[in-house]
Amino acid sequence: MAAYLLDHAAALRFAAFTGVLAVMALWEAMAPRRVQVHGRLARWPGNLGVVLVDTLAVRLLIPTSLAAFAAYVAAQGWGLFHLLAVPGVLAVAGSILLLDLAIYAQHVAFHAVPVFWRLHRMHHSDLEFDVTTGVRFHPVEILLSVLIKMAVIALLGAAPVAVLLFEILLNGTAMFNHSNAALPLWLDRLVRAVVVTPDMHRIHHSVVRSETDSNYGFNLSVWDRLFGTYRREPEAGQLGLTIGISQFRDHKELRLDRMLTQPFREG
């Protein structure tokens, strides 16, 4: 099974990406959580365009997948799991769990360190919050994130199949929890106990900086609760909070060219 997954890694990642994107886009259209002022036609070309730029940048500058890198690490016998001879199932589960923790820590760092925040704020400058916000990241941030993941994979000796599953899981949950899809409040509370929901993560995209610096998780909600960064509700409520950041509220900032140059401008 693991060999099959790794042999078809690219196809699986693409199918998961397009499938989740389509499902969440349809869910948002049929049952939106919030009324959006800035429509899809204004925002989606830039948000989806940056995905293509990100993909090309990674392919050109880091010409190996994370799963392939994990296989190389395994062949060298590097990493904690190899040194401790951790059994396969535990290594897979531990790899996914600790990679998720690493992404949480990376996210906190990208808010706390000014030079990283200049890159990451492009993600926050979207004027609405929907499924495409979950893929709206500056290519330099994406490249740094890949390098950080590679370092974590090498330190852990993460299982290749776990890395592939984590990539698919992270991409899917990021689109889910950035979506404008409505969940019944009782279901949100139930799901939020384990996985980050749209109502939980939307608070992180508030224009209020104290709310922006909360709810950092992309996948599991436990890290925010464990490290004291969890916020249950925004001050203005889910329907009243303003999405974005204060210095990039002009409609032209939704264009791809403005998104790519944003880290090098003040406004």
Protein backbone atom coordinates (compact mmCIF):
# COMPACT_ATOMS: atom_id res chain seq x y z
CA MET A 1 0.00 0.00 0.00
CA ALA A 2 2.75 2.45 0.97
CA ALA A 3 4.66 1.65 -2.23
CA TYR A 4 1.55 2.29 -4.33
CA LEU A 5 0.94 5.65 -2.65
CA LEU A 6 4.54 6.76 -3.19
CA ASP A 7 4.54 5.59 -6.82
CA HIS A 8 1.46 7.73 -7.52
CA ALA A 9 2.34 10.62 -5.19
CA ALA A 10 2.04 13.46 -7.73
CA ALA A 11 -1.30 12.24 -9.06
CA LEU A 12 -2.66 11.75 -5.55
CA ARG A 13 -1.62 15.25 -4.44
CA PHE A 14 -3.17 16.81 -7.56
CA ALA A 15 -6.40 14.83 -7.24
CA ALA A 16 -6.72 15.73 -3.55
CA PHE A 17 -6.05 19.41 -4.25
CA THR A 18 -8.55 19.75 -7.10
CA GLY A 19 -11.12 17.57 -5.35
CA VAL A 20 -11.09 19.48 -2.07
CA LEU A 21 -11.02 22.83 -3.90
CA ALA A 22 -14.07 21.86 -5.95
CA VAL A 23 -16.02 20.49 -2.98
CA MET A 24 -15.31 23.50 -0.78
CA ALA A 25 -16.06 25.99 -3.58
CA LEU A 26 -19.44 24.31 -4.13
CA TRP A 27 -20.16 24.20 -0.39
CA GLU A 28 -19.35 27.91 -0.07
CA ALA A 29 -21.65 28.75 -2.97
CA MET A 30 -24.55 26.71 -1.62
CA ALA A 31 -24.17 27.47 2.11
CA PRO A 32 -21.96 30.55 2.71
CA ARG A 33 -21.07 31.48 6.30
CA ARG A 34 -20.71 35.21 5.54
CA VAL A 35 -21.91 37.53 2.78
CA GLN A 36 -18.86 38.58 0.76
CA VAL A 37 -18.43 42.12 -0.55
CA HIS A 38 -15.41 41.31 -2.74
CA GLY A 39 -16.50 38.57 -5.10
CA ARG A 40 -14.68 35.65 -6.63
CA LEU A 41 -14.04 37.41 -9.94
CA ALA A 42 -12.04 40.09 -8.14
CA ARG A 43 -10.04 37.72 -5.94
CA TRP A 44 -9.72 34.28 -7.45
CA PRO A 45 -7.48 35.16 -10.44
CA GLY A 46 -4.78 36.46 -8.07
CA ASN A 47 -5.24 33.77 -5.44
CA LEU A 48 -5.14 30.90 -7.93
CA GLY A 49 -2.48 32.61 -10.04
CA VAL A 50 -0.08 32.66 -7.11
CA VAL A 51 -0.53 28.87 -6.78
CA LEU A 52 0.93 28.49 -10.28
CA VAL A 53 3.82 30.81 -9.42
CA ASP A 54 4.47 28.87 -6.19
CA THR A 55 4.43 25.53 -8.01
CA LEU A 56 6.86 26.73 -10.68
CA ALA A 57 9.20 28.25 -8.08
CA VAL A 58 9.35 25.03 -6.06
CA ARG A 59 9.81 22.85 -9.15
CA LEU A 60 12.66 25.02 -10.42
CA LEU A 61 14.51 25.63 -7.15
CA ILE A 62 13.79 22.46 -5.16
CA PRO A 63 13.52 19.73 -7.80
CA THR A 64 12.53 16.90 -5.43
CA SER A 65 9.33 16.13 -3.59
CA LEU A 66 9.26 15.98 0.20
CA ALA A 67 8.31 12.29 0.05
CA ALA A 68 11.31 11.57 -2.21
CA PHE A 69 13.56 13.49 0.18
CA ALA A 70 12.15 11.43 3.08
CA ALA A 71 12.99 8.25 1.14
CA TYR A 72 16.58 9.49 0.74
CA VAL A 73 16.77 10.25 4.46
CA ALA A 74 15.49 6.75 5.22
CA ALA A 75 18.11 5.21 2.92
CA GLN A 76 20.83 7.07 4.85
CA GLY A 77 19.40 5.99 8.19
CA TRP A 78 19.15 9.59 9.41
CA GLY A 79 16.78 10.90 12.03
CA LEU A 80 15.38 10.15 15.45
CA PHE A 81 12.94 7.44 14.38
CA HIS A 82 15.72 5.49 12.64
CA LEU A 83 18.11 5.84 15.58
CA LEU A 84 15.45 4.59 17.99
CA ALA A 85 14.20 1.90 15.59
CA VAL A 86 10.61 3.09 16.02
CA PRO A 87 8.14 0.55 14.52
CA GLY A 88 6.51 1.48 11.20
CA VAL A 89 2.99 2.36 12.34
CA LEU A 90 4.28 4.48 15.24
CA ALA A 91 6.80 6.17 12.96
CA VAL A 92 4.05 7.11 10.50
CA ALA A 93 1.73 8.44 13.23
CA GLY A 94 4.58 10.23 15.01
CA SER A 95 5.80 11.78 11.77
CA ILE A 96 2.38 13.21 10.94
CA LEU A 97 1.86 14.52 14.47
CA LEU A 98 5.29 16.14 14.79
CA LEU A 99 5.20 17.61 11.28
CA ASP A 100 1.90 19.25 12.22
CA LEU A 101 3.52 20.65 15.36
CA ALA A 102 6.40 21.98 13.25
CA ILE A 103 3.95 23.78 10.93
CA TYR A 104 2.27 25.34 13.97
CA ALA A 105 5.66 26.55 15.26
CA GLN A 106 6.61 27.84 11.81
CA HIS A 107 3.34 29.78 11.64
CA VAL A 108 3.96 31.39 15.03
CA ALA A 109 7.49 32.35 13.92
CA PHE A 110 6.20 33.90 10.70
CA HIS A 111 4.07 36.23 12.79
CA ALA A 112 6.70 37.00 15.43
CA VAL A 113 9.77 37.68 13.24
CA PRO A 114 9.36 40.93 11.23
CA VAL A 115 11.15 39.77 8.08
CA PHE A 116 9.03 36.61 7.97
CA TRP A 117 5.85 38.58 8.66
CA ARG A 118 6.52 40.73 5.57
CA LEU A 119 6.28 37.54 3.52
CA HIS A 120 3.39 35.99 5.41
CA ARG A 121 1.21 39.10 5.52
CA MET A 122 0.33 38.56 1.84
CA HIS A 123 -1.70 35.58 3.03
CA HIS A 124 -3.52 37.85 5.49
CA SER A 125 -4.13 40.75 3.10
CA ASP A 126 -6.95 38.96 1.27
CA LEU A 127 -10.06 41.08 1.75
CA GLU A 128 -12.31 38.05 2.08
CA PHE A 129 -11.91 34.59 3.57
CA ASP A 130 -12.67 31.58 1.41
CA VAL A 131 -11.16 28.36 0.09
CA THR A 132 -8.65 30.19 -2.15
CA THR A 133 -7.29 32.13 0.83
CA GLY A 134 -5.95 28.77 1.99
CA VAL A 135 -3.60 28.58 -1.01
CA ARG A 136 -2.65 32.27 -1.14
CA PHE A 137 1.00 32.30 -0.01
CA HIS A 138 3.99 34.25 -1.30
CA PRO A 139 6.43 32.02 -3.28
CA VAL A 140 9.35 32.98 -1.02
CA GLU A 141 7.34 31.88 2.00
CA ILE A 142 6.49 28.61 0.25
CA LEU A 143 10.16 27.97 -0.52
CA LEU A 144 11.16 28.68 3.09
CA SER A 145 8.40 26.39 4.30
CA VAL A 146 9.62 23.55 2.08
CA LEU A 147 13.16 23.96 3.45
CA ILE A 148 11.85 23.95 7.03
CA LYS A 149 9.87 20.77 6.35
CA MET A 150 12.96 19.14 4.84
CA ALA A 151 14.95 19.97 7.98
CA VAL A 152 12.21 18.49 10.20
CA ILE A 153 12.01 15.38 8.00
CA ALA A 154 15.78 14.89 8.29
CA LEU A 155 15.75 15.38 12.07
CA LEU A 156 12.86 12.99 12.60
CA GLY A 157 13.68 10.47 9.92
CA ALA A 158 10.02 10.84 8.96
CA ALA A 159 8.52 7.92 7.06
CA PRO A 160 8.10 8.73 3.34
CA VAL A 161 4.46 7.61 3.25
CA ALA A 162 3.76 9.74 6.33
CA VAL A 163 5.23 12.77 4.59
CA LEU A 164 3.00 12.20 1.55
CA LEU A 165 -0.09 11.71 3.72
CA PHE A 166 0.77 14.81 5.72
CA GLU A 167 1.16 16.93 2.58
CA ILE A 168 -2.25 15.80 1.33
CA LEU A 169 -3.84 16.27 4.76
CA LEU A 170 -2.35 19.72 5.33
CA ASN A 171 -3.34 20.99 1.91
CA GLY A 172 -6.88 19.68 2.30
CA THR A 173 -7.44 20.97 5.82
CA ALA A 174 -5.99 24.38 4.89
CA MET A 175 -8.61 24.76 2.17
CA PHE A 176 -11.34 23.48 4.50
CA ASN A 177 -10.54 25.75 7.43
CA HIS A 178 -10.08 28.82 5.21
CA SER A 179 -13.43 28.26 3.53
CA ASN A 180 -16.57 30.37 3.74
CA ALA A 181 -18.61 27.22 4.24
CA ALA A 182 -21.24 27.27 6.97
CA LEU A 183 -21.20 24.58 9.64
CA PRO A 184 -23.97 24.21 12.23
CA LEU A 185 -22.67 25.58 15.52
CA TRP A 186 -23.04 22.24 17.29
CA LEU A 187 -21.02 20.53 14.54
CA ASP A 188 -18.37 23.25 14.62
CA ARG A 189 -17.89 22.68 18.36
CA LEU A 190 -17.62 18.93 17.82
CA VAL A 191 -15.16 19.11 14.90
CA ARG A 192 -13.14 21.91 16.52
CA ALA A 193 -12.25 19.61 19.40
CA VAL A 194 -9.88 17.85 16.99
CA VAL A 195 -9.54 19.75 13.70
CA VAL A 196 -9.36 23.49 12.99
CA THR A 197 -12.70 24.69 11.59
CA PRO A 198 -13.44 27.73 9.39
CA ASP A 199 -15.00 29.62 12.32
CA MET A 200 -11.91 28.95 14.42
CA HIS A 201 -9.38 29.97 11.79
CA ARG A 202 -11.35 32.96 10.48
CA ILE A 203 -10.49 34.73 13.75
CA HIS A 204 -6.81 34.45 12.76
CA HIS A 205 -7.60 36.57 9.68
CA SER A 206 -9.19 39.40 11.65
CA VAL A 207 -7.88 42.92 11.09
CA VAL A 208 -7.49 43.15 14.90
CA ARG A 209 -3.86 42.19 15.54
CA SER A 210 -4.51 40.48 18.89
CA GLU A 211 -6.94 38.19 17.04
CA THR A 212 -4.54 37.71 14.11
CA ASP A 213 -1.98 36.43 16.63
CA SER A 214 -4.19 33.54 17.71
CA ASN A 215 -5.50 30.24 16.31
CA TYR A 216 -2.34 29.42 14.35
CA GLY A 217 -3.18 25.78 13.67
CA PHE A 218 -3.86 24.58 10.13
CA ASN A 219 -4.78 21.01 10.92
CA LEU A 220 -5.04 19.88 14.56
CA SER A 221 -6.57 22.32 17.04
CA VAL A 222 -4.69 20.87 20.02
CA TRP A 223 -1.55 23.00 19.54
CA ASP A 224 -3.37 26.30 20.06
CA ARG A 225 -5.02 24.98 23.19
CA LEU A 226 -1.77 23.50 24.49
CA PHE A 227 0.36 26.60 23.91
CA GLY A 228 -2.20 29.21 24.94
CA THR A 229 -2.90 30.74 21.51
CA TYR A 230 -6.50 29.52 21.25
CA ARG A 231 -9.33 32.05 20.92
CA ARG A 232 -12.90 30.83 20.88
CA GLU A 233 -14.66 33.82 19.27
CA PRO A 234 -13.74 37.23 17.82
CA GLU A 235 -14.80 40.40 19.64
CA ALA A 236 -17.10 41.47 16.78
CA GLY A 237 -18.54 38.00 16.26
CA GLN A 238 -18.13 35.82 13.18
CA LEU A 239 -20.40 37.97 11.03
CA GLY A 240 -19.00 41.28 12.25
CA LEU A 241 -15.22 40.78 12.10
CA THR A 242 -13.25 42.54 9.36
CA ILE A 243 -10.94 40.35 7.29
CA GLY A 244 -7.44 41.50 6.23
CA ILE A 245 -4.73 43.84 7.45
CA SER A 246 -4.95 47.60 7.74
CA GLN A 247 -2.25 48.78 5.30
CA PHE A 248 -3.36 46.73 2.28
CA ARG A 249 -7.06 47.41 1.83
CA ASP A 250 -7.02 48.92 -1.66
CA HIS A 251 -8.83 46.73 -4.20
CA LYS A 252 -5.78 46.77 -6.50
CA GLU A 253 -3.87 44.75 -3.88
CA LEU A 254 -5.90 41.74 -5.01
CA ARG A 255 -3.95 41.66 -8.29
CA LEU A 256 -1.22 39.05 -8.69
CA ASP A 257 1.52 41.59 -9.44
CA ARG A 258 0.68 43.56 -6.30
CA MET A 259 0.59 40.37 -4.22
CA LEU A 260 4.06 39.35 -5.38
CA THR A 261 5.62 42.75 -4.65
CA GLN A 262 3.81 43.29 -1.36
CA PRO A 263 6.67 42.12 0.94
CA PHE A 264 8.85 44.89 -0.51
CA ARG A 265 6.31 47.68 0.01
CA GLU A 266 4.82 49.42 3.03
CA GLY A 267 1.42 49.89 1.49
